[in-house]
Amino acid sequence: MKDLGFSISQSRTIDLDKSDLSAYRRVVEKVPSAKLCLMCGACTATCTARNHTDFNFRKVHLLFRRGQFEGLAEELDKCMLCGKCRLVCNRGVNTRAIIYNMRIILENLNYKSIK
């Protein structure tokens, strides 16, 4: 085989059947409005923390939904819980409560941030 100077990267497919989705179910039990999120990005667009860091609510919400917890506690700590995101959500998602409960659940799962 001839070397063409590149290689085919591994597939980034996520098998949700093998993922542990119980943590997200606990968030939904505490904050039922979490199911209403369409990932539209209005929350991220108005986020104060986003202006100073690379925090992205859509990203952390999606990673948590998938059960991908590595490094998530550090990302969640960037949120200041100011509530601006909740004010602009046209679906009425309590984003602040979602972040708060994600932090608690990750701490209980021993995914702690470095402080």
N, C-alpha and C. Protein backbone atom coordinates (compact mmCIF):
# COMPACT_ATOMS: atom_id res chain seq x y z
N MET A 1 0.82 -1.19 0.00
CA MET A 1 0.00 0.00 0.00
C MET A 1 0.87 1.25 0.00
N LYS A 2 0.47 2.22 -0.74
CA LYS A 2 1.23 3.46 -0.86
C LYS A 2 0.87 4.43 0.26
N ASP A 3 1.89 5.09 0.82
CA ASP A 3 1.67 6.08 1.87
C ASP A 3 1.23 7.40 1.23
N LEU A 4 0.03 7.83 1.56
CA LEU A 4 -0.52 9.06 0.98
C LEU A 4 -0.38 10.27 1.90
N GLY A 5 0.27 10.08 3.05
CA GLY A 5 0.50 11.20 3.96
C GLY A 5 -0.62 11.47 4.94
N PHE A 6 -1.60 10.62 4.98
CA PHE A 6 -2.68 10.77 5.96
C PHE A 6 -3.20 9.40 6.31
N SER A 7 -3.96 9.35 7.38
CA SER A 7 -4.55 8.08 7.76
C SER A 7 -6.03 8.29 8.09
N ILE A 8 -6.77 7.25 8.04
CA ILE A 8 -8.20 7.34 8.35
C ILE A 8 -8.35 7.34 9.86
N SER A 9 -9.04 8.33 10.36
CA SER A 9 -9.22 8.44 11.81
C SER A 9 -10.28 7.45 12.29
N GLN A 10 -10.23 7.17 13.58
CA GLN A 10 -11.20 6.26 14.19
C GLN A 10 -12.58 6.90 14.19
N SER A 11 -13.58 6.09 14.12
CA SER A 11 -14.96 6.55 14.15
C SER A 11 -15.28 7.17 15.50
N ARG A 12 -16.02 8.27 15.49
CA ARG A 12 -16.43 8.91 16.73
C ARG A 12 -17.88 8.59 17.07
N THR A 13 -18.32 7.44 16.66
CA THR A 13 -19.67 7.01 16.93
C THR A 13 -19.83 6.74 18.43
N ILE A 14 -20.94 7.20 19.00
CA ILE A 14 -21.23 6.97 20.41
C ILE A 14 -22.38 5.98 20.49
N ASP A 15 -22.14 4.88 21.16
CA ASP A 15 -23.17 3.86 21.33
C ASP A 15 -23.95 4.17 22.61
N LEU A 16 -25.09 4.84 22.47
CA LEU A 16 -25.88 5.22 23.63
C LEU A 16 -26.47 4.02 24.37
N ASP A 17 -26.54 2.88 23.69
CA ASP A 17 -27.02 1.67 24.36
C ASP A 17 -26.04 1.20 25.43
N LYS A 18 -24.75 1.54 25.26
CA LYS A 18 -23.73 1.15 26.23
C LYS A 18 -23.46 2.26 27.25
N SER A 19 -24.02 3.44 27.04
CA SER A 19 -23.81 4.57 27.95
C SER A 19 -24.73 4.46 29.16
N ASP A 20 -24.23 4.97 30.28
CA ASP A 20 -25.03 5.01 31.50
C ASP A 20 -25.82 6.31 31.51
N LEU A 21 -27.10 6.22 31.24
CA LEU A 21 -27.95 7.40 31.15
C LEU A 21 -28.72 7.67 32.44
N SER A 22 -28.40 6.95 33.50
CA SER A 22 -29.13 7.09 34.76
C SER A 22 -28.90 8.46 35.39
N ALA A 23 -27.72 9.04 35.21
CA ALA A 23 -27.44 10.35 35.79
C ALA A 23 -28.34 11.41 35.16
N TYR A 24 -28.53 11.34 33.84
CA TYR A 24 -29.41 12.31 33.19
C TYR A 24 -30.86 12.11 33.63
N ARG A 25 -31.25 10.87 33.83
CA ARG A 25 -32.62 10.61 34.32
C ARG A 25 -32.83 11.26 35.69
N ARG A 26 -31.79 11.27 36.53
CA ARG A 26 -31.89 11.93 37.84
C ARG A 26 -32.06 13.43 37.70
N VAL A 27 -31.36 14.01 36.73
CA VAL A 27 -31.53 15.45 36.47
C VAL A 27 -32.96 15.74 36.05
N VAL A 28 -33.50 14.92 35.16
CA VAL A 28 -34.86 15.12 34.68
C VAL A 28 -35.87 14.95 35.81
N GLU A 29 -35.61 14.05 36.75
CA GLU A 29 -36.50 13.90 37.92
C GLU A 29 -36.52 15.17 38.73
N LYS A 30 -35.35 15.79 38.92
CA LYS A 30 -35.25 17.02 39.72
C LYS A 30 -35.73 18.24 38.94
N VAL A 31 -35.42 18.27 37.65
CA VAL A 31 -35.77 19.43 36.81
C VAL A 31 -36.49 18.92 35.56
N PRO A 32 -37.80 18.71 35.63
CA PRO A 32 -38.55 18.16 34.48
C PRO A 32 -38.44 18.99 33.21
N SER A 33 -38.20 20.28 33.34
CA SER A 33 -38.10 21.13 32.15
C SER A 33 -36.86 20.80 31.31
N ALA A 34 -35.93 20.01 31.83
CA ALA A 34 -34.74 19.63 31.07
C ALA A 34 -35.11 18.90 29.79
N LYS A 35 -36.24 18.20 29.79
CA LYS A 35 -36.69 17.48 28.60
C LYS A 35 -37.14 18.42 27.48
N LEU A 36 -37.42 19.66 27.82
CA LEU A 36 -37.91 20.62 26.84
C LEU A 36 -36.81 21.27 26.02
N CYS A 37 -35.56 21.11 26.43
CA CYS A 37 -34.44 21.79 25.77
C CYS A 37 -34.28 21.31 24.33
N LEU A 38 -34.26 22.27 23.41
CA LEU A 38 -34.07 21.98 21.99
C LEU A 38 -32.64 22.24 21.54
N MET A 39 -31.78 22.64 22.45
CA MET A 39 -30.38 22.97 22.14
C MET A 39 -30.31 24.11 21.11
N CYS A 40 -31.15 25.11 21.28
CA CYS A 40 -31.21 26.21 20.31
C CYS A 40 -30.02 27.16 20.43
N GLY A 41 -29.42 27.24 21.62
CA GLY A 41 -28.25 28.08 21.81
C GLY A 41 -28.52 29.47 22.35
N ALA A 42 -29.76 29.82 22.63
CA ALA A 42 -30.07 31.14 23.18
C ALA A 42 -29.37 31.33 24.52
N CYS A 43 -29.33 30.28 25.32
CA CYS A 43 -28.68 30.35 26.64
C CYS A 43 -27.18 30.63 26.49
N THR A 44 -26.55 29.95 25.57
CA THR A 44 -25.11 30.12 25.36
C THR A 44 -24.81 31.52 24.81
N ALA A 45 -25.68 32.03 23.98
CA ALA A 45 -25.48 33.35 23.37
C ALA A 45 -25.51 34.47 24.40
N THR A 46 -26.26 34.31 25.47
CA THR A 46 -26.38 35.37 26.47
C THR A 46 -25.54 35.11 27.72
N CYS A 47 -24.82 34.01 27.75
CA CYS A 47 -24.09 33.58 28.95
C CYS A 47 -22.96 34.54 29.31
N THR A 48 -22.96 35.02 30.54
CA THR A 48 -21.91 35.90 31.03
C THR A 48 -20.60 35.14 31.13
N ALA A 49 -20.64 33.91 31.61
CA ALA A 49 -19.43 33.10 31.72
C ALA A 49 -18.82 32.85 30.34
N ARG A 50 -19.65 32.74 29.34
CA ARG A 50 -19.19 32.50 27.97
C ARG A 50 -18.37 33.68 27.46
N ASN A 51 -18.66 34.88 27.95
CA ASN A 51 -17.91 36.06 27.54
C ASN A 51 -16.47 36.04 28.05
N HIS A 52 -16.22 35.28 29.12
CA HIS A 52 -14.89 35.28 29.75
C HIS A 52 -14.20 33.92 29.69
N THR A 53 -14.93 32.88 29.36
CA THR A 53 -14.37 31.52 29.28
C THR A 53 -14.93 30.84 28.04
N ASP A 54 -14.63 29.58 27.90
CA ASP A 54 -15.18 28.82 26.78
C ASP A 54 -16.39 27.99 27.20
N PHE A 55 -17.07 28.39 28.27
CA PHE A 55 -18.23 27.66 28.77
C PHE A 55 -19.34 27.67 27.72
N ASN A 56 -19.99 26.51 27.57
CA ASN A 56 -21.06 26.37 26.59
C ASN A 56 -22.12 25.43 27.18
N PHE A 57 -23.27 25.98 27.53
CA PHE A 57 -24.32 25.17 28.16
C PHE A 57 -24.75 24.01 27.26
N ARG A 58 -24.91 24.28 25.98
CA ARG A 58 -25.32 23.20 25.07
C ARG A 58 -24.34 22.04 25.10
N LYS A 59 -23.06 22.36 25.12
CA LYS A 59 -22.04 21.32 25.12
C LYS A 59 -22.09 20.49 26.40
N VAL A 60 -22.14 21.15 27.56
CA VAL A 60 -22.16 20.38 28.82
C VAL A 60 -23.46 19.60 28.97
N HIS A 61 -24.55 20.18 28.51
CA HIS A 61 -25.84 19.49 28.58
C HIS A 61 -25.81 18.22 27.72
N LEU A 62 -25.28 18.34 26.52
CA LEU A 62 -25.20 17.20 25.61
C LEU A 62 -24.26 16.12 26.15
N LEU A 63 -23.09 16.52 26.65
CA LEU A 63 -22.15 15.55 27.21
C LEU A 63 -22.76 14.82 28.40
N PHE A 64 -23.46 15.56 29.25
CA PHE A 64 -24.09 14.94 30.41
C PHE A 64 -25.18 13.97 29.97
N ARG A 65 -25.96 14.37 28.98
CA ARG A 65 -27.01 13.48 28.45
C ARG A 65 -26.44 12.17 27.93
N ARG A 66 -25.28 12.25 27.30
CA ARG A 66 -24.63 11.06 26.74
C ARG A 66 -23.90 10.22 27.78
N GLY A 67 -23.73 10.77 28.99
CA GLY A 67 -22.99 10.05 30.02
C GLY A 67 -21.49 10.18 29.89
N GLN A 68 -21.03 11.22 29.22
CA GLN A 68 -19.60 11.48 29.05
C GLN A 68 -19.17 12.51 30.10
N PHE A 69 -18.70 12.02 31.25
CA PHE A 69 -18.47 12.87 32.41
C PHE A 69 -17.04 13.36 32.59
N GLU A 70 -16.10 12.83 31.83
CA GLU A 70 -14.70 13.24 31.99
C GLU A 70 -14.54 14.74 31.71
N GLY A 71 -13.98 15.47 32.67
CA GLY A 71 -13.74 16.90 32.53
C GLY A 71 -14.97 17.76 32.64
N LEU A 72 -16.12 17.16 32.84
CA LEU A 72 -17.37 17.92 32.88
C LEU A 72 -17.51 18.76 34.14
N ALA A 73 -17.00 18.27 35.26
CA ALA A 73 -17.09 19.03 36.52
C ALA A 73 -16.36 20.36 36.40
N GLU A 74 -15.20 20.35 35.75
CA GLU A 74 -14.44 21.59 35.57
C GLU A 74 -15.20 22.56 34.67
N GLU A 75 -15.86 22.03 33.65
CA GLU A 75 -16.65 22.88 32.77
C GLU A 75 -17.84 23.50 33.51
N LEU A 76 -18.51 22.69 34.32
CA LEU A 76 -19.67 23.18 35.06
C LEU A 76 -19.28 24.24 36.08
N ASP A 77 -18.06 24.16 36.60
CA ASP A 77 -17.61 25.16 37.56
C ASP A 77 -17.41 26.54 36.94
N LYS A 78 -17.35 26.62 35.63
CA LYS A 78 -17.23 27.91 34.94
C LYS A 78 -18.53 28.69 35.01
N CYS A 79 -19.64 28.00 35.19
CA CYS A 79 -20.94 28.66 35.26
C CYS A 79 -21.06 29.41 36.58
N MET A 80 -21.53 30.65 36.52
CA MET A 80 -21.68 31.50 37.71
C MET A 80 -23.08 31.41 38.31
N LEU A 81 -23.96 30.61 37.72
CA LEU A 81 -25.34 30.46 38.17
C LEU A 81 -26.06 31.81 38.28
N CYS A 82 -25.77 32.71 37.34
CA CYS A 82 -26.40 34.04 37.38
C CYS A 82 -27.86 34.00 36.93
N GLY A 83 -28.21 33.05 36.07
CA GLY A 83 -29.60 32.90 35.65
C GLY A 83 -29.99 33.63 34.39
N LYS A 84 -29.05 34.32 33.73
CA LYS A 84 -29.38 35.01 32.48
C LYS A 84 -29.89 34.04 31.42
N CYS A 85 -29.30 32.86 31.40
CA CYS A 85 -29.70 31.86 30.41
C CYS A 85 -31.15 31.44 30.61
N ARG A 86 -31.55 31.38 31.84
CA ARG A 86 -32.93 30.98 32.14
C ARG A 86 -33.92 32.05 31.67
N LEU A 87 -33.53 33.30 31.76
CA LEU A 87 -34.41 34.40 31.36
C LEU A 87 -34.67 34.42 29.85
N VAL A 88 -33.71 33.98 29.05
CA VAL A 88 -33.87 34.05 27.60
C VAL A 88 -34.41 32.77 26.98
N CYS A 89 -34.52 31.72 27.77
CA CYS A 89 -34.98 30.44 27.21
C CYS A 89 -36.45 30.54 26.83
N ASN A 90 -36.74 30.37 25.53
CA ASN A 90 -38.12 30.48 25.07
C ASN A 90 -38.92 29.21 25.33
N ARG A 91 -38.29 28.15 25.85
CA ARG A 91 -38.98 26.91 26.20
C ARG A 91 -39.21 26.81 27.70
N GLY A 92 -38.71 27.76 28.47
CA GLY A 92 -38.90 27.75 29.91
C GLY A 92 -38.05 26.73 30.65
N VAL A 93 -36.91 26.36 30.07
CA VAL A 93 -36.02 25.39 30.70
C VAL A 93 -35.30 26.06 31.85
N ASN A 94 -35.32 25.42 32.99
CA ASN A 94 -34.63 25.95 34.17
C ASN A 94 -33.16 25.54 34.09
N THR A 95 -32.41 26.25 33.26
CA THR A 95 -31.01 25.91 32.99
C THR A 95 -30.16 26.01 34.26
N ARG A 96 -30.46 26.96 35.08
CA ARG A 96 -29.71 27.14 36.33
C ARG A 96 -29.85 25.91 37.22
N ALA A 97 -31.04 25.40 37.36
CA ALA A 97 -31.27 24.20 38.19
C ALA A 97 -30.62 22.97 37.56
N ILE A 98 -30.58 22.92 36.24
CA ILE A 98 -29.92 21.80 35.56
C ILE A 98 -28.44 21.79 35.90
N ILE A 99 -27.79 22.94 35.78
CA ILE A 99 -26.36 23.03 36.10
C ILE A 99 -26.12 22.66 37.55
N TYR A 100 -26.93 23.20 38.44
CA TYR A 100 -26.78 22.93 39.87
C TYR A 100 -26.90 21.43 40.16
N ASN A 101 -27.90 20.79 39.60
CA ASN A 101 -28.10 19.36 39.83
C ASN A 101 -27.04 18.51 39.15
N MET A 102 -26.56 18.93 37.99
CA MET A 102 -25.46 18.22 37.36
C MET A 102 -24.23 18.21 38.27
N ARG A 103 -23.94 19.37 38.86
CA ARG A 103 -22.79 19.46 39.78
C ARG A 103 -22.93 18.49 40.94
N ILE A 104 -24.10 18.44 41.53
CA ILE A 104 -24.34 17.55 42.67
C ILE A 104 -24.19 16.09 42.26
N ILE A 105 -24.77 15.73 41.14
CA ILE A 105 -24.71 14.34 40.68
C ILE A 105 -23.28 13.93 40.34
N LEU A 106 -22.53 14.82 39.68
CA LEU A 106 -21.14 14.49 39.36
C LEU A 106 -20.30 14.35 40.62
N GLU A 107 -20.57 15.17 41.61
CA GLU A 107 -19.84 15.05 42.87
C GLU A 107 -20.15 13.72 43.54
N ASN A 108 -21.41 13.30 43.49
CA ASN A 108 -21.79 12.00 44.06
C ASN A 108 -21.18 10.84 43.29
N LEU A 109 -20.91 11.04 42.01
CA LEU A 109 -20.27 10.01 41.19
C LEU A 109 -18.74 10.09 41.25
N ASN A 110 -18.23 11.00 42.09
CA ASN A 110 -16.79 11.21 42.28
C ASN A 110 -16.09 11.79 41.06
N TYR A 111 -16.81 12.56 40.26
CA TYR A 111 -16.20 13.34 39.19
C TYR A 111 -16.09 14.75 39.72
N LYS A 112 -15.07 14.99 40.50
CA LYS A 112 -14.92 16.29 41.16
C LYS A 112 -13.99 17.19 40.37
N SER A 113 -14.25 18.47 40.49
CA SER A 113 -13.38 19.44 39.82
C SER A 113 -12.18 19.70 40.71
N ILE A 114 -11.13 20.22 40.10
CA ILE A 114 -9.92 20.57 40.83
C ILE A 114 -10.05 22.01 41.27
N LYS A 115 -10.04 22.23 42.56
CA LYS A 115 -10.14 23.61 43.09
C LYS A 115 -9.06 23.85 44.10
